[in-house]
Amino acid sequence: TANIIPDDTHDLCQKFFDGDIKGSMDLQLKAIDLCKALFCEVNPIPV
């Protein structure tokens, strides 16, 4: 997913490292539907 949302993928990790677990969780959950769509066919066809 970092191919198309690089900033958010970085921020998801960085927020966790910085102790902002809620912020990290929000980004993880926000990306769930996108992740499903990016793997609805074999990678890397969707991405």
All heavy atoms as atom14 arrays in JSON, in Angstrom:
{
  "sequence": "TANIIPDDTHDLCQKFFDGDIKGSMDLQLKAIDLCKALFCEVNPIPV",
  "atom14_mask": [
    [1, 1, 1, 1, 1, 1, 1, 0, 0, 0, 0, 0, 0, 0],
    [1, 1, 1, 1, 1, 0, 0, 0, 0, 0, 0, 0, 0, 0],
    [1, 1, 1, 1, 1, 1, 1, 1, 0, 0, 0, 0, 0, 0],
    [1, 1, 1, 1, 1, 1, 1, 1, 0, 0, 0, 0, 0, 0],
    [1, 1, 1, 1, 1, 1, 1, 1, 0, 0, 0, 0, 0, 0],
    [1, 1, 1, 1, 1, 1, 1, 0, 0, 0, 0, 0, 0, 0],
    [1, 1, 1, 1, 1, 1, 1, 1, 0, 0, 0, 0, 0, 0],
    [1, 1, 1, 1, 1, 1, 1, 1, 0, 0, 0, 0, 0, 0],
    [1, 1, 1, 1, 1, 1, 1, 0, 0, 0, 0, 0, 0, 0],
    [1, 1, 1, 1, 1, 1, 1, 1, 1, 1, 0, 0, 0, 0],
    [1, 1, 1, 1, 1, 1, 1, 1, 0, 0, 0, 0, 0, 0],
    [1, 1, 1, 1, 1, 1, 1, 1, 0, 0, 0, 0, 0, 0],
    [1, 1, 1, 1, 1, 1, 0, 0, 0, 0, 0, 0, 0, 0],
    [1, 1, 1, 1, 1, 1, 1, 1, 1, 0, 0, 0, 0, 0],
    [1, 1, 1, 1, 1, 1, 1, 1, 1, 0, 0, 0, 0, 0],
    [1, 1, 1, 1, 1, 1, 1, 1, 1, 1, 1, 0, 0, 0],
    [1, 1, 1, 1, 1, 1, 1, 1, 1, 1, 1, 0, 0, 0],
    [1, 1, 1, 1, 1, 1, 1, 1, 0, 0, 0, 0, 0, 0],
    [1, 1, 1, 1, 0, 0, 0, 0, 0, 0, 0, 0, 0, 0],
    [1, 1, 1, 1, 1, 1, 1, 1, 0, 0, 0, 0, 0, 0],
    [1, 1, 1, 1, 1, 1, 1, 1, 0, 0, 0, 0, 0, 0],
    [1, 1, 1, 1, 1, 1, 1, 1, 1, 0, 0, 0, 0, 0],
    [1, 1, 1, 1, 0, 0, 0, 0, 0, 0, 0, 0, 0, 0],
    [1, 1, 1, 1, 1, 1, 0, 0, 0, 0, 0, 0, 0, 0],
    [1, 1, 1, 1, 1, 1, 1, 1, 0, 0, 0, 0, 0, 0],
    [1, 1, 1, 1, 1, 1, 1, 1, 0, 0, 0, 0, 0, 0],
    [1, 1, 1, 1, 1, 1, 1, 1, 0, 0, 0, 0, 0, 0],
    [1, 1, 1, 1, 1, 1, 1, 1, 1, 0, 0, 0, 0, 0],
    [1, 1, 1, 1, 1, 1, 1, 1, 0, 0, 0, 0, 0, 0],
    [1, 1, 1, 1, 1, 1, 1, 1, 1, 0, 0, 0, 0, 0],
    [1, 1, 1, 1, 1, 0, 0, 0, 0, 0, 0, 0, 0, 0],
    [1, 1, 1, 1, 1, 1, 1, 1, 0, 0, 0, 0, 0, 0],
    [1, 1, 1, 1, 1, 1, 1, 1, 0, 0, 0, 0, 0, 0],
    [1, 1, 1, 1, 1, 1, 1, 1, 0, 0, 0, 0, 0, 0],
    [1, 1, 1, 1, 1, 1, 0, 0, 0, 0, 0, 0, 0, 0],
    [1, 1, 1, 1, 1, 1, 1, 1, 1, 0, 0, 0, 0, 0],
    [1, 1, 1, 1, 1, 0, 0, 0, 0, 0, 0, 0, 0, 0],
    [1, 1, 1, 1, 1, 1, 1, 1, 0, 0, 0, 0, 0, 0],
    [1, 1, 1, 1, 1, 1, 1, 1, 1, 1, 1, 0, 0, 0],
    [1, 1, 1, 1, 1, 1, 0, 0, 0, 0, 0, 0, 0, 0],
    [1, 1, 1, 1, 1, 1, 1, 1, 1, 0, 0, 0, 0, 0],
    [1, 1, 1, 1, 1, 1, 1, 0, 0, 0, 0, 0, 0, 0],
    [1, 1, 1, 1, 1, 1, 1, 1, 0, 0, 0, 0, 0, 0],
    [1, 1, 1, 1, 1, 1, 1, 0, 0, 0, 0, 0, 0, 0],
    [1, 1, 1, 1, 1, 1, 1, 1, 0, 0, 0, 0, 0, 0],
    [1, 1, 1, 1, 1, 1, 1, 0, 0, 0, 0, 0, 0, 0],
    [1, 1, 1, 1, 1, 1, 1, 0, 0, 0, 0, 0, 0, 0]
  ],
  "atom14_positions": [
    [[0.82, -1.22, 0.0], [0.0, 0.0, 0.0], [0.85, 1.26, 0.0], [0.38, 2.32, -0.45], [-0.95, 0.04, 1.22], [-0.17, -0.01, 2.42], [-1.92, -1.11, 1.19], [0.0, 0.0, 0.0], [0.0, 0.0, 0.0], [0.0, 0.0, 0.0], [0.0, 0.0, 0.0], [0.0, 0.0, 0.0], [0.0, 0.0, 0.0], [0.0, 0.0, 0.0]],
    [[2.09, 1.17, 0.47], [2.96, 2.35, 0.47], [3.23, 2.86, -0.94], [3.66, 4.02, -1.1], [4.28, 2.03, 1.17], [0.0, 0.0, 0.0], [0.0, 0.0, 0.0], [0.0, 0.0, 0.0], [0.0, 0.0, 0.0], [0.0, 0.0, 0.0], [0.0, 0.0, 0.0], [0.0, 0.0, 0.0], [0.0, 0.0, 0.0], [0.0, 0.0, 0.0]],
    [[2.98, 2.05, -1.95], [3.11, 2.54, -3.33], [2.16, 3.7, -3.59], [2.48, 4.6, -4.37], [2.81, 1.42, -4.33], [3.98, 0.49, -4.56], [4.93, 0.81, -5.27], [3.92, -0.69, -3.94], [0.0, 0.0, 0.0], [0.0, 0.0, 0.0], [0.0, 0.0, 0.0], [0.0, 0.0, 0.0], [0.0, 0.0, 0.0], [0.0, 0.0, 0.0]],
    [[0.98, 3.69, -2.93], [-0.03, 4.71, -3.22], [-0.37, 5.59, -2.03], [-0.9, 6.69, -2.21], [-1.31, 4.09, -3.81], [-1.93, 3.08, -2.85], [-1.0, 3.43, -5.15], [-3.29, 2.56, -3.3], [0.0, 0.0, 0.0], [0.0, 0.0, 0.0], [0.0, 0.0, 0.0], [0.0, 0.0, 0.0], [0.0, 0.0, 0.0], [0.0, 0.0, 0.0]],
    [[-0.08, 5.14, -0.81], [-0.27, 6.01, 0.38], [1.02, 6.01, 1.21], [1.02, 5.59, 2.38], [-1.49, 5.59, 1.22], [-1.45, 4.1, 1.58], [-2.79, 5.95, 0.53], [-2.45, 3.72, 2.68], [0.0, 0.0, 0.0], [0.0, 0.0, 0.0], [0.0, 0.0, 0.0], [0.0, 0.0, 0.0], [0.0, 0.0, 0.0], [0.0, 0.0, 0.0]],
    [[2.12, 6.47, 0.62], [3.4, 6.4, 1.33], [3.44, 7.22, 2.61], [3.99, 6.79, 3.62], [4.4, 6.93, 0.3], [3.59, 7.76, -0.64], [2.26, 7.09, -0.72], [0.0, 0.0, 0.0], [0.0, 0.0, 0.0], [0.0, 0.0, 0.0], [0.0, 0.0, 0.0], [0.0, 0.0, 0.0], [0.0, 0.0, 0.0], [0.0, 0.0, 0.0]],
    [[2.86, 8.42, 2.59], [2.89, 9.28, 3.78], [2.16, 8.62, 4.95], [2.68, 8.59, 6.08], [2.26, 10.64, 3.47], [2.99, 11.38, 2.37], [2.7, 11.12, 1.19], [3.85, 12.2, 2.7], [0.0, 0.0, 0.0], [0.0, 0.0, 0.0], [0.0, 0.0, 0.0], [0.0, 0.0, 0.0], [0.0, 0.0, 0.0], [0.0, 0.0, 0.0]],
    [[0.98, 8.1, 4.69], [0.19, 7.5, 5.76], [0.82, 6.21, 6.27], [0.72, 5.9, 7.47], [-1.23, 7.22, 5.28], [-2.11, 8.47, 5.29], [-1.61, 9.53, 5.69], [-3.29, 8.36, 4.91], [0.0, 0.0, 0.0], [0.0, 0.0, 0.0], [0.0, 0.0, 0.0], [0.0, 0.0, 0.0], [0.0, 0.0, 0.0], [0.0, 0.0, 0.0]],
    [[1.44, 5.44, 5.38], [2.07, 4.2, 5.83], [3.25, 4.52, 6.75], [3.46, 3.86, 7.77], [2.54, 3.36, 4.63], [1.46, 3.21, 3.69], [2.98, 1.98, 5.07], [0.0, 0.0, 0.0], [0.0, 0.0, 0.0], [0.0, 0.0, 0.0], [0.0, 0.0, 0.0], [0.0, 0.0, 0.0], [0.0, 0.0, 0.0], [0.0, 0.0, 0.0]],
    [[4.0, 5.53, 6.38], [5.08, 6.0, 7.27], [4.5, 6.49, 8.6], [5.0, 6.13, 9.68], [5.85, 7.14, 6.61], [6.7, 7.92, 7.57], [7.98, 7.57, 7.93], [6.4, 9.05, 8.3], [8.45, 8.42, 8.81], [7.52, 9.33, 9.05], [0.0, 0.0, 0.0], [0.0, 0.0, 0.0], [0.0, 0.0, 0.0], [0.0, 0.0, 0.0]],
    [[3.45, 7.3, 8.52], [2.88, 7.89, 9.73], [2.29, 6.83, 10.66], [2.37, 6.97, 11.89], [1.8, 8.91, 9.37], [2.37, 10.18, 8.77], [3.61, 10.36, 8.82], [1.58, 10.99, 8.24], [0.0, 0.0, 0.0], [0.0, 0.0, 0.0], [0.0, 0.0, 0.0], [0.0, 0.0, 0.0], [0.0, 0.0, 0.0], [0.0, 0.0, 0.0]],
    [[1.7, 5.78, 10.09], [1.16, 4.7, 10.91], [2.25, 4.13, 11.81], [2.03, 3.9, 13.01], [0.59, 3.6, 10.0], [-0.28, 2.5, 10.6], [-1.02, 1.76, 9.49], [0.52, 1.48, 11.42], [0.0, 0.0, 0.0], [0.0, 0.0, 0.0], [0.0, 0.0, 0.0], [0.0, 0.0, 0.0], [0.0, 0.0, 0.0], [0.0, 0.0, 0.0]],
    [[3.42, 3.9, 11.21], [4.55, 3.38, 11.99], [5.09, 4.42, 12.95], [5.33, 4.13, 14.14], [5.67, 2.93, 11.05], [5.24, 1.55, 9.95], [0.0, 0.0, 0.0], [0.0, 0.0, 0.0], [0.0, 0.0, 0.0], [0.0, 0.0, 0.0], [0.0, 0.0, 0.0], [0.0, 0.0, 0.0], [0.0, 0.0, 0.0], [0.0, 0.0, 0.0]],
    [[5.29, 5.63, 12.48], [5.92, 6.66, 13.3], [5.08, 7.03, 14.51], [5.6, 7.25, 15.6], [6.22, 7.91, 12.46], [7.13, 8.9, 13.15], [8.48, 8.29, 13.51], [9.14, 7.69, 12.68], [8.87, 8.42, 14.78], [0.0, 0.0, 0.0], [0.0, 0.0, 0.0], [0.0, 0.0, 0.0], [0.0, 0.0, 0.0], [0.0, 0.0, 0.0]],
    [[3.76, 7.09, 14.31], [2.88, 7.39, 15.44], [3.01, 6.32, 16.52], [3.03, 6.62, 17.72], [1.42, 7.52, 14.97], [1.12, 8.81, 14.24], [-0.32, 8.88, 13.79], [-0.6, 10.15, 12.99], [-0.47, 11.36, 13.83], [0.0, 0.0, 0.0], [0.0, 0.0, 0.0], [0.0, 0.0, 0.0], [0.0, 0.0, 0.0], [0.0, 0.0, 0.0]],
    [[3.12, 5.07, 16.09], [3.31, 4.0, 17.08], [4.62, 4.19, 17.83], [4.66, 4.11, 19.06], [3.29, 2.63, 16.39], [3.45, 1.48, 17.36], [2.35, 0.91, 17.96], [4.71, 0.99, 17.67], [2.49, -0.12, 18.89], [4.87, -0.05, 18.59], [3.75, -0.61, 19.2], [0.0, 0.0, 0.0], [0.0, 0.0, 0.0], [0.0, 0.0, 0.0]],
    [[5.7, 4.47, 17.08], [7.0, 4.66, 17.73], [6.98, 5.85, 18.69], [7.67, 5.84, 19.71], [8.09, 4.88, 16.67], [8.26, 3.75, 15.69], [8.58, 4.01, 14.36], [8.09, 2.44, 16.09], [8.74, 2.98, 13.46], [8.25, 1.4, 15.19], [8.57, 1.67, 13.88], [0.0, 0.0, 0.0], [0.0, 0.0, 0.0], [0.0, 0.0, 0.0]],
    [[6.17, 6.86, 18.35], [6.1, 8.06, 19.18], [5.14, 7.91, 20.36], [4.98, 8.84, 21.15], [5.65, 9.26, 18.33], [6.7, 9.68, 17.31], [7.87, 9.29, 17.47], [6.33, 10.38, 16.34], [0.0, 0.0, 0.0], [0.0, 0.0, 0.0], [0.0, 0.0, 0.0], [0.0, 0.0, 0.0], [0.0, 0.0, 0.0], [0.0, 0.0, 0.0]],
    [[4.5, 6.76, 20.46], [3.58, 6.52, 21.57], [2.15, 6.92, 21.31], [1.3, 6.81, 22.2], [0.0, 0.0, 0.0], [0.0, 0.0, 0.0], [0.0, 0.0, 0.0], [0.0, 0.0, 0.0], [0.0, 0.0, 0.0], [0.0, 0.0, 0.0], [0.0, 0.0, 0.0], [0.0, 0.0, 0.0], [0.0, 0.0, 0.0], [0.0, 0.0, 0.0]],
    [[1.86, 7.36, 20.08], [0.49, 7.73, 19.72], [-0.21, 6.49, 19.17], [-0.43, 6.36, 17.96], [0.5, 8.85, 18.69], [-0.89, 9.32, 18.29], [-1.88, 8.85, 18.89], [-0.99, 10.14, 17.34], [0.0, 0.0, 0.0], [0.0, 0.0, 0.0], [0.0, 0.0, 0.0], [0.0, 0.0, 0.0], [0.0, 0.0, 0.0], [0.0, 0.0, 0.0]],
    [[-0.55, 5.57, 20.05], [-1.14, 4.3, 19.63], [-2.5, 4.52, 18.98], [-2.83, 3.86, 17.98], [-1.26, 3.34, 20.83], [0.08, 3.22, 21.57], [-1.74, 1.97, 20.36], [1.24, 2.79, 20.71], [0.0, 0.0, 0.0], [0.0, 0.0, 0.0], [0.0, 0.0, 0.0], [0.0, 0.0, 0.0], [0.0, 0.0, 0.0], [0.0, 0.0, 0.0]],
    [[-3.29, 5.43, 19.51], [-4.61, 5.72, 18.94], [-4.46, 6.24, 17.51], [-5.2, 5.83, 16.6], [-5.34, 6.75, 19.8], [-6.69, 7.22, 19.26], [-7.71, 6.12, 19.23], [-9.14, 6.66, 19.06], [-9.34, 7.51, 17.88], [0.0, 0.0, 0.0], [0.0, 0.0, 0.0], [0.0, 0.0, 0.0], [0.0, 0.0, 0.0], [0.0, 0.0, 0.0]],
    [[-3.52, 7.15, 17.29], [-3.32, 7.68, 15.95], [-2.87, 6.61, 14.98], [-3.31, 6.57, 13.82], [0.0, 0.0, 0.0], [0.0, 0.0, 0.0], [0.0, 0.0, 0.0], [0.0, 0.0, 0.0], [0.0, 0.0, 0.0], [0.0, 0.0, 0.0], [0.0, 0.0, 0.0], [0.0, 0.0, 0.0], [0.0, 0.0, 0.0], [0.0, 0.0, 0.0]],
    [[-1.99, 5.73, 15.45], [-1.53, 4.62, 14.63], [-2.68, 3.69, 14.3], [-2.85, 3.25, 13.15], [-0.42, 3.87, 15.36], [0.04, 2.77, 14.59], [0.0, 0.0, 0.0], [0.0, 0.0, 0.0], [0.0, 0.0, 0.0], [0.0, 0.0, 0.0], [0.0, 0.0, 0.0], [0.0, 0.0, 0.0], [0.0, 0.0, 0.0], [0.0, 0.0, 0.0]],
    [[-3.51, 3.39, 15.31], [-4.66, 2.51, 15.1], [-5.65, 3.1, 14.1], [-6.18, 2.4, 13.23], [-5.36, 2.24, 16.43], [-6.54, 1.29, 16.3], [-7.49, 1.17, 17.84], [-8.28, 2.78, 17.88], [0.0, 0.0, 0.0], [0.0, 0.0, 0.0], [0.0, 0.0, 0.0], [0.0, 0.0, 0.0], [0.0, 0.0, 0.0], [0.0, 0.0, 0.0]],
    [[-5.87, 4.39, 14.2], [-6.81, 5.05, 13.29], [-6.36, 4.9, 11.84], [-7.18, 4.64, 10.95], [-6.95, 6.53, 13.64], [-7.73, 6.76, 14.94], [-8.39, 5.82, 15.41], [-7.63, 7.89, 15.48], [0.0, 0.0, 0.0], [0.0, 0.0, 0.0], [0.0, 0.0, 0.0], [0.0, 0.0, 0.0], [0.0, 0.0, 0.0], [0.0, 0.0, 0.0]],
    [[-5.06, 5.05, 11.6], [-4.55, 4.91, 10.24], [-4.62, 3.45, 9.78], [-4.91, 3.18, 8.61], [-3.12, 5.42, 10.16], [-2.96, 6.94, 10.19], [-1.48, 7.32, 10.3], [-3.58, 7.58, 8.95], [0.0, 0.0, 0.0], [0.0, 0.0, 0.0], [0.0, 0.0, 0.0], [0.0, 0.0, 0.0], [0.0, 0.0, 0.0], [0.0, 0.0, 0.0]],
    [[-4.35, 2.51, 10.69], [-4.45, 1.1, 10.34], [-5.88, 0.73, 9.95], [-6.12, 0.09, 8.92], [-4.0, 0.22, 11.51], [-4.12, -1.27, 11.27], [-3.09, -1.81, 10.29], [-1.99, -2.16, 10.67], [-3.46, -1.86, 9.01], [0.0, 0.0, 0.0], [0.0, 0.0, 0.0], [0.0, 0.0, 0.0], [0.0, 0.0, 0.0], [0.0, 0.0, 0.0]],
    [[-6.84, 1.16, 10.76], [-8.23, 0.82, 10.47], [-8.75, 1.55, 9.23], [-9.55, 1.0, 8.47], [-9.1, 1.14, 11.69], [-8.78, 0.32, 12.95], [-9.71, 0.72, 14.09], [-8.86, -1.17, 12.68], [0.0, 0.0, 0.0], [0.0, 0.0, 0.0], [0.0, 0.0, 0.0], [0.0, 0.0, 0.0], [0.0, 0.0, 0.0], [0.0, 0.0, 0.0]],
    [[-8.29, 2.76, 9.04], [-8.7, 3.51, 7.84], [-8.28, 2.78, 6.56], [-8.97, 2.85, 5.55], [-8.07, 4.91, 7.86], [-8.41, 5.76, 6.65], [-7.69, 7.11, 6.72], [-7.99, 7.94, 5.46], [-7.24, 9.24, 5.47], [0.0, 0.0, 0.0], [0.0, 0.0, 0.0], [0.0, 0.0, 0.0], [0.0, 0.0, 0.0], [0.0, 0.0, 0.0]],
    [[-7.17, 2.07, 6.62], [-6.61, 1.42, 5.43], [-7.18, 0.03, 5.16], [-6.86, -0.56, 4.12], [-5.09, 1.33, 5.56], [0.0, 0.0, 0.0], [0.0, 0.0, 0.0], [0.0, 0.0, 0.0], [0.0, 0.0, 0.0], [0.0, 0.0, 0.0], [0.0, 0.0, 0.0], [0.0, 0.0, 0.0], [0.0, 0.0, 0.0], [0.0, 0.0, 0.0]],
    [[-8.02, -0.5, 6.04], [-8.47, -1.89, 5.9], [-9.19, -2.13, 4.58], [-8.89, -3.09, 3.85], [-9.36, -2.31, 7.08], [-8.53, -2.35, 8.38], [-10.01, -3.67, 6.82], [-7.39, -3.36, 8.37], [0.0, 0.0, 0.0], [0.0, 0.0, 0.0], [0.0, 0.0, 0.0], [0.0, 0.0, 0.0], [0.0, 0.0, 0.0], [0.0, 0.0, 0.0]],
    [[-10.15, -1.3, 4.24], [-10.89, -1.51, 2.99], [-9.98, -1.34, 1.78], [-10.12, -2.06, 0.77], [-12.07, -0.54, 2.89], [-13.2, -0.92, 3.84], [-13.23, -2.08, 4.3], [-14.05, -0.05, 4.13], [0.0, 0.0, 0.0], [0.0, 0.0, 0.0], [0.0, 0.0, 0.0], [0.0, 0.0, 0.0], [0.0, 0.0, 0.0], [0.0, 0.0, 0.0]],
    [[-9.06, -0.41, 1.85], [-8.1, -0.22, 0.76], [-7.22, -1.45, 0.62], [-6.96, -1.92, -0.5], [-7.25, 1.02, 1.02], [-6.22, 1.37, -0.05], [-6.9, 1.67, -1.38], [-5.38, 2.57, 0.39], [0.0, 0.0, 0.0], [0.0, 0.0, 0.0], [0.0, 0.0, 0.0], [0.0, 0.0, 0.0], [0.0, 0.0, 0.0], [0.0, 0.0, 0.0]],
    [[-6.78, -2.01, 1.75], [-5.96, -3.23, 1.7], [-6.73, -4.37, 1.05], [-6.18, -5.12, 0.23], [-5.54, -3.64, 3.12], [-4.32, -2.55, 3.88], [0.0, 0.0, 0.0], [0.0, 0.0, 0.0], [0.0, 0.0, 0.0], [0.0, 0.0, 0.0], [0.0, 0.0, 0.0], [0.0, 0.0, 0.0], [0.0, 0.0, 0.0], [0.0, 0.0, 0.0]],
    [[-7.99, -4.51, 1.4], [-8.81, -5.57, 0.81], [-8.88, -5.42, -0.7], [-8.75, -6.39, -1.46], [-10.23, -5.54, 1.4], [-10.32, -6.03, 2.83], [-11.78, -5.96, 3.3], [-11.91, -6.44, 4.74], [-13.32, -6.33, 5.21], [0.0, 0.0, 0.0], [0.0, 0.0, 0.0], [0.0, 0.0, 0.0], [0.0, 0.0, 0.0], [0.0, 0.0, 0.0]],
    [[-9.07, -4.18, -1.16], [-9.17, -3.93, -2.6], [-7.84, -4.19, -3.3], [-7.82, -4.69, -4.44], [-9.63, -2.49, -2.85], [0.0, 0.0, 0.0], [0.0, 0.0, 0.0], [0.0, 0.0, 0.0], [0.0, 0.0, 0.0], [0.0, 0.0, 0.0], [0.0, 0.0, 0.0], [0.0, 0.0, 0.0], [0.0, 0.0, 0.0], [0.0, 0.0, 0.0]],
    [[-6.75, -3.87, -2.62], [-5.43, -4.06, -3.23], [-5.0, -5.53, -3.28], [-4.0, -5.86, -3.92], [-4.38, -3.25, -2.46], [-4.4, -1.74, -2.72], [-3.49, -1.02, -1.73], [-3.99, -1.42, -4.15], [0.0, 0.0, 0.0], [0.0, 0.0, 0.0], [0.0, 0.0, 0.0], [0.0, 0.0, 0.0], [0.0, 0.0, 0.0], [0.0, 0.0, 0.0]],
    [[-5.75, -6.38, -2.6], [-5.43, -7.81, -2.63], [-6.63, -8.66, -3.07], [-6.66, -9.86, -2.81], [-4.92, -8.26, -1.26], [-3.55, -7.72, -0.95], [-3.4, -6.52, -0.28], [-2.41, -8.39, -1.38], [-2.14, -6.0, -0.01], [-1.14, -7.88, -1.12], [-1.01, -6.68, -0.44], [0.0, 0.0, 0.0], [0.0, 0.0, 0.0], [0.0, 0.0, 0.0]],
    [[-7.58, -8.02, -3.78], [-8.73, -8.78, -4.28], [-8.35, -9.62, -5.49], [-9.08, -10.53, -5.88], [-9.89, -7.86, -4.6], [-9.64, -6.76, -6.01], [0.0, 0.0, 0.0], [0.0, 0.0, 0.0], [0.0, 0.0, 0.0], [0.0, 0.0, 0.0], [0.0, 0.0, 0.0], [0.0, 0.0, 0.0], [0.0, 0.0, 0.0], [0.0, 0.0, 0.0]],
    [[-7.22, -9.31, -6.12], [-6.59, -10.18, -7.11], [-5.13, -10.31, -6.69], [-4.64, -9.57, -5.83], [-6.71, -9.61, -8.52], [-8.11, -9.66, -9.09], [-8.17, -9.26, -10.56], [-7.15, -9.38, -11.27], [-9.26, -8.82, -10.98], [0.0, 0.0, 0.0], [0.0, 0.0, 0.0], [0.0, 0.0, 0.0], [0.0, 0.0, 0.0], [0.0, 0.0, 0.0]],
    [[-4.43, -11.23, -7.31], [-3.07, -11.51, -6.88], [-2.18, -10.26, -7.02], [-2.25, -9.55, -8.02], [-2.47, -12.71, -7.65], [-2.25, -12.37, -9.12], [-1.18, -13.18, -7.01], [0.0, 0.0, 0.0], [0.0, 0.0, 0.0], [0.0, 0.0, 0.0], [0.0, 0.0, 0.0], [0.0, 0.0, 0.0], [0.0, 0.0, 0.0], [0.0, 0.0, 0.0]],
    [[-1.4, -9.98, -5.99], [-0.43, -8.89, -6.03], [0.64, -9.2, -7.09], [1.11, -10.33, -7.18], [0.23, -8.76, -4.65], [1.25, -7.66, -4.57], [0.98, -6.52, -4.93], [2.44, -8.0, -4.12], [0.0, 0.0, 0.0], [0.0, 0.0, 0.0], [0.0, 0.0, 0.0], [0.0, 0.0, 0.0], [0.0, 0.0, 0.0], [0.0, 0.0, 0.0]],
    [[1.03, -8.21, -7.93], [0.73, -6.78, -7.85], [-0.3, -6.27, -8.86], [-0.25, -5.09, -9.23], [2.09, -6.17, -8.14], [2.66, -7.07, -9.2], [2.2, -8.47, -8.81], [0.0, 0.0, 0.0], [0.0, 0.0, 0.0], [0.0, 0.0, 0.0], [0.0, 0.0, 0.0], [0.0, 0.0, 0.0], [0.0, 0.0, 0.0], [0.0, 0.0, 0.0]],
    [[-1.21, -7.11, -9.33], [-2.18, -6.63, -10.31], [-2.95, -5.41, -9.8], [-2.99, -4.37, -10.49], [-3.14, -7.77, -10.75], [-2.39, -8.82, -11.58], [-4.31, -7.2, -11.56], [-3.22, -10.04, -11.92], [0.0, 0.0, 0.0], [0.0, 0.0, 0.0], [0.0, 0.0, 0.0], [0.0, 0.0, 0.0], [0.0, 0.0, 0.0], [0.0, 0.0, 0.0]],
    [[-3.57, -5.47, -8.6], [-4.34, -4.3, -8.17], [-3.5, -3.05, -7.91], [-3.91, -1.94, -8.27], [-5.02, -4.79, -6.88], [-5.07, -6.28, -7.02], [-3.78, -6.61, -7.7], [0.0, 0.0, 0.0], [0.0, 0.0, 0.0], [0.0, 0.0, 0.0], [0.0, 0.0, 0.0], [0.0, 0.0, 0.0], [0.0, 0.0, 0.0], [0.0, 0.0, 0.0]],
    [[-2.35, -3.21, -7.26], [-1.54, -2.01, -6.97], [-1.0, -1.4, -8.26], [-0.85, -0.18, -8.36], [-0.42, -2.32, -5.97], [0.7, -3.13, -6.59], [0.13, -1.02, -5.38], [0.0, 0.0, 0.0], [0.0, 0.0, 0.0], [0.0, 0.0, 0.0], [0.0, 0.0, 0.0], [0.0, 0.0, 0.0], [0.0, 0.0, 0.0], [0.0, 0.0, 0.0]]
  ]
}
